[in-house]
Amino acid sequence: MTIHTAEVIDSGLDPRTLRISALKVYVPAAHERVVDRAIQVHGAMGVSGDTPLAGMYTGARTLRIADGPDEVHRILIAKNVLKVYHDGASWDFGVA
């Protein structure tokens, strides 16, 4: 997703409302899932000060709200999808 967004930027198109918002929803959620799984594997030690996982979990949560909550980005994505469809494009965004 990141590489494709960079390619869109390099081509001169505006990726802000669709691709960057999608990244801002997906990446922090994936990061939080990975850290949560690591804490689950380590048990009580995962949330102790002996490992960096507790700090990573706090950072993962902060990352989800740092540049606007997920809901704001989902609204931006929905508005962009509806605008593109209204302009006559296809619902198949996998080829765009």
C-alpha atoms as a PDB file:
ATOM      1  CA  MET A   1       0.000   0.000   0.000  1.00  0.00           C
ATOM      2  CA  THR A   2       2.797   2.400   0.874  1.00  0.00           C
ATOM      3  CA  ILE A   3       4.711   1.749  -2.335  1.00  0.00           C
ATOM      4  CA  HIS A   4       1.576   2.161  -4.440  1.00  0.00           C
ATOM      5  CA  THR A   5       0.774   5.437  -2.667  1.00  0.00           C
ATOM      6  CA  ALA A   6       4.320   6.654  -3.334  1.00  0.00           C
ATOM      7  CA  GLU A   7       3.903   5.749  -7.016  1.00  0.00           C
ATOM      8  CA  VAL A   8       0.672   7.747  -7.150  1.00  0.00           C
ATOM      9  CA  ILE A   9       2.450  10.736  -5.597  1.00  0.00           C
ATOM     10  CA  ASP A  10       5.322  10.391  -8.087  1.00  0.00           C
ATOM     11  CA  SER A  11       2.867  10.344 -10.980  1.00  0.00           C
ATOM     12  CA  GLY A  12       1.514  13.718  -9.887  1.00  0.00           C
ATOM     13  CA  LEU A  13      -1.915  12.545  -8.752  1.00  0.00           C
ATOM     14  CA  ASP A  14      -3.437  13.431  -5.374  1.00  0.00           C
ATOM     15  CA  PRO A  15      -3.548  10.357  -3.096  1.00  0.00           C
ATOM     16  CA  ARG A  16      -4.596  12.168   0.086  1.00  0.00           C
ATOM     17  CA  THR A  17      -8.228  11.319   0.584  1.00  0.00           C
ATOM     18  CA  LEU A  18      -8.264   7.722  -0.578  1.00  0.00           C
ATOM     19  CA  ARG A  19      -4.877   6.075  -0.374  1.00  0.00           C
ATOM     20  CA  ILE A  20      -3.272   7.981   2.488  1.00  0.00           C
ATOM     21  CA  SER A  21      -6.419   7.746   4.595  1.00  0.00           C
ATOM     22  CA  ALA A  22      -6.513   3.992   3.918  1.00  0.00           C
ATOM     23  CA  LEU A  23      -2.911   3.726   5.098  1.00  0.00           C
ATOM     24  CA  LYS A  24      -3.725   5.736   8.219  1.00  0.00           C
ATOM     25  CA  VAL A  25      -6.469   3.266   9.087  1.00  0.00           C
ATOM     26  CA  TYR A  26      -4.759   0.004   8.091  1.00  0.00           C
ATOM     27  CA  VAL A  27      -1.183   0.425   9.339  1.00  0.00           C
ATOM     28  CA  PRO A  28      -1.916   1.445  12.950  1.00  0.00           C
ATOM     29  CA  ALA A  29      -4.542  -1.312  13.242  1.00  0.00           C
ATOM     30  CA  ALA A  30      -2.068  -3.911  11.947  1.00  0.00           C
ATOM     31  CA  HIS A  31       0.620  -2.583  14.297  1.00  0.00           C
ATOM     32  CA  GLU A  32      -1.746  -2.825  17.250  1.00  0.00           C
ATOM     33  CA  ARG A  33      -2.712  -6.415  16.330  1.00  0.00           C
ATOM     34  CA  VAL A  34       0.941  -7.481  16.114  1.00  0.00           C
ATOM     35  CA  VAL A  35       1.863  -5.892  19.448  1.00  0.00           C
ATOM     36  CA  ASP A  36      -1.261  -7.334  21.087  1.00  0.00           C
ATOM     37  CA  ARG A  37      -0.323 -10.810  19.836  1.00  0.00           C
ATOM     38  CA  ALA A  38       3.231 -10.393  21.162  1.00  0.00           C
ATOM     39  CA  ILE A  39       1.861  -9.407  24.574  1.00  0.00           C
ATOM     40  CA  GLN A  40      -0.459 -12.423  24.495  1.00  0.00           C
ATOM     41  CA  VAL A  41       2.484 -14.721  23.745  1.00  0.00           C
ATOM     42  CA  HIS A  42       4.583 -13.272  26.578  1.00  0.00           C
ATOM     43  CA  GLY A  43       1.732 -13.239  29.102  1.00  0.00           C
ATOM     44  CA  ALA A  44       2.169 -11.079  32.196  1.00  0.00           C
ATOM     45  CA  MET A  45       5.781 -10.425  31.252  1.00  0.00           C
ATOM     46  CA  GLY A  46       4.521  -8.670  28.110  1.00  0.00           C
ATOM     47  CA  VAL A  47       2.989  -5.843  30.114  1.00  0.00           C
ATOM     48  CA  SER A  48       5.778  -5.535  32.643  1.00  0.00           C
ATOM     49  CA  GLY A  49       8.533  -2.965  32.442  1.00  0.00           C
ATOM     50  CA  ASP A  50      11.046  -5.724  31.636  1.00  0.00           C
ATOM     51  CA  THR A  51      10.132  -5.780  27.947  1.00  0.00           C
ATOM     52  CA  PRO A  52       9.437  -2.948  25.492  1.00  0.00           C
ATOM     53  CA  LEU A  53       5.999  -4.373  24.623  1.00  0.00           C
ATOM     54  CA  ALA A  54       4.011  -2.218  27.053  1.00  0.00           C
ATOM     55  CA  GLY A  55       5.507   0.917  25.513  1.00  0.00           C
ATOM     56  CA  MET A  56       4.878  -0.432  22.029  1.00  0.00           C
ATOM     57  CA  TYR A  57       1.233  -1.050  22.901  1.00  0.00           C
ATOM     58  CA  THR A  58       0.823   2.493  24.196  1.00  0.00           C
ATOM     59  CA  GLY A  59       2.534   3.786  21.065  1.00  0.00           C
ATOM     60  CA  ALA A  60       0.273   1.691  18.852  1.00  0.00           C
ATOM     61  CA  ARG A  61      -2.819   3.150  20.503  1.00  0.00           C
ATOM     62  CA  THR A  62      -1.467   6.681  20.205  1.00  0.00           C
ATOM     63  CA  LEU A  63      -0.674   6.094  16.525  1.00  0.00           C
ATOM     64  CA  ARG A  64      -4.351   5.361  15.851  1.00  0.00           C
ATOM     65  CA  ILE A  65      -5.460   8.774  17.071  1.00  0.00           C
ATOM     66  CA  ALA A  66      -2.431  10.945  16.256  1.00  0.00           C
ATOM     67  CA  ASP A  67      -3.588  12.159  12.841  1.00  0.00           C
ATOM     68  CA  GLY A  68      -7.311  11.921  13.372  1.00  0.00           C
ATOM     69  CA  PRO A  69      -9.379   8.980  14.512  1.00  0.00           C
ATOM     70  CA  ASP A  70     -10.089   6.054  12.195  1.00  0.00           C
ATOM     71  CA  GLU A  71     -13.688   7.167  11.785  1.00  0.00           C
ATOM     72  CA  VAL A  72     -12.607  10.473  10.228  1.00  0.00           C
ATOM     73  CA  HIS A  73     -10.418   8.682   7.701  1.00  0.00           C
ATOM     74  CA  ARG A  74     -13.184   6.182   6.913  1.00  0.00           C
ATOM     75  CA  ILE A  75     -15.556   9.080   6.215  1.00  0.00           C
ATOM     76  CA  LEU A  76     -12.965  10.663   3.897  1.00  0.00           C
ATOM     77  CA  ILE A  77     -12.532   7.352   2.070  1.00  0.00           C
ATOM     78  CA  ALA A  78     -16.310   6.933   1.688  1.00  0.00           C
ATOM     79  CA  LYS A  79     -16.718  10.484   0.368  1.00  0.00           C
ATOM     80  CA  ASN A  80     -13.942   9.894  -2.169  1.00  0.00           C
ATOM     81  CA  VAL A  81     -15.412   6.577  -3.298  1.00  0.00           C
ATOM     82  CA  LEU A  82     -18.838   8.143  -3.779  1.00  0.00           C
ATOM     83  CA  LYS A  83     -17.348  11.111  -5.648  1.00  0.00           C
ATOM     84  CA  VAL A  84     -15.392   8.856  -7.995  1.00  0.00           C
ATOM     85  CA  TYR A  85     -18.503   6.756  -8.642  1.00  0.00           C
ATOM     86  CA  HIS A  86     -20.624   9.878  -9.148  1.00  0.00           C
ATOM     87  CA  ASP A  87     -18.078  11.100 -11.710  1.00  0.00           C
ATOM     88  CA  GLY A  88     -18.756   7.955 -13.747  1.00  0.00           C
ATOM     89  CA  ALA A  89     -15.943   5.626 -12.676  1.00  0.00           C
ATOM     90  CA  SER A  90     -16.412   1.977 -11.777  1.00  0.00           C
ATOM     91  CA  TRP A  91     -16.832   0.532  -8.301  1.00  0.00           C
ATOM     92  CA  ASP A  92     -13.782  -1.647  -9.072  1.00  0.00           C
ATOM     93  CA  PHE A  93     -11.168   0.355  -7.207  1.00  0.00           C
ATOM     94  CA  GLY A  94      -8.657  -2.493  -7.402  1.00  0.00           C
ATOM     95  CA  VAL A  95      -7.661  -1.431 -10.906  1.00  0.00           C
ATOM     96  CA  ALA A  96      -7.403   2.291 -10.244  1.00  0.00           C
END
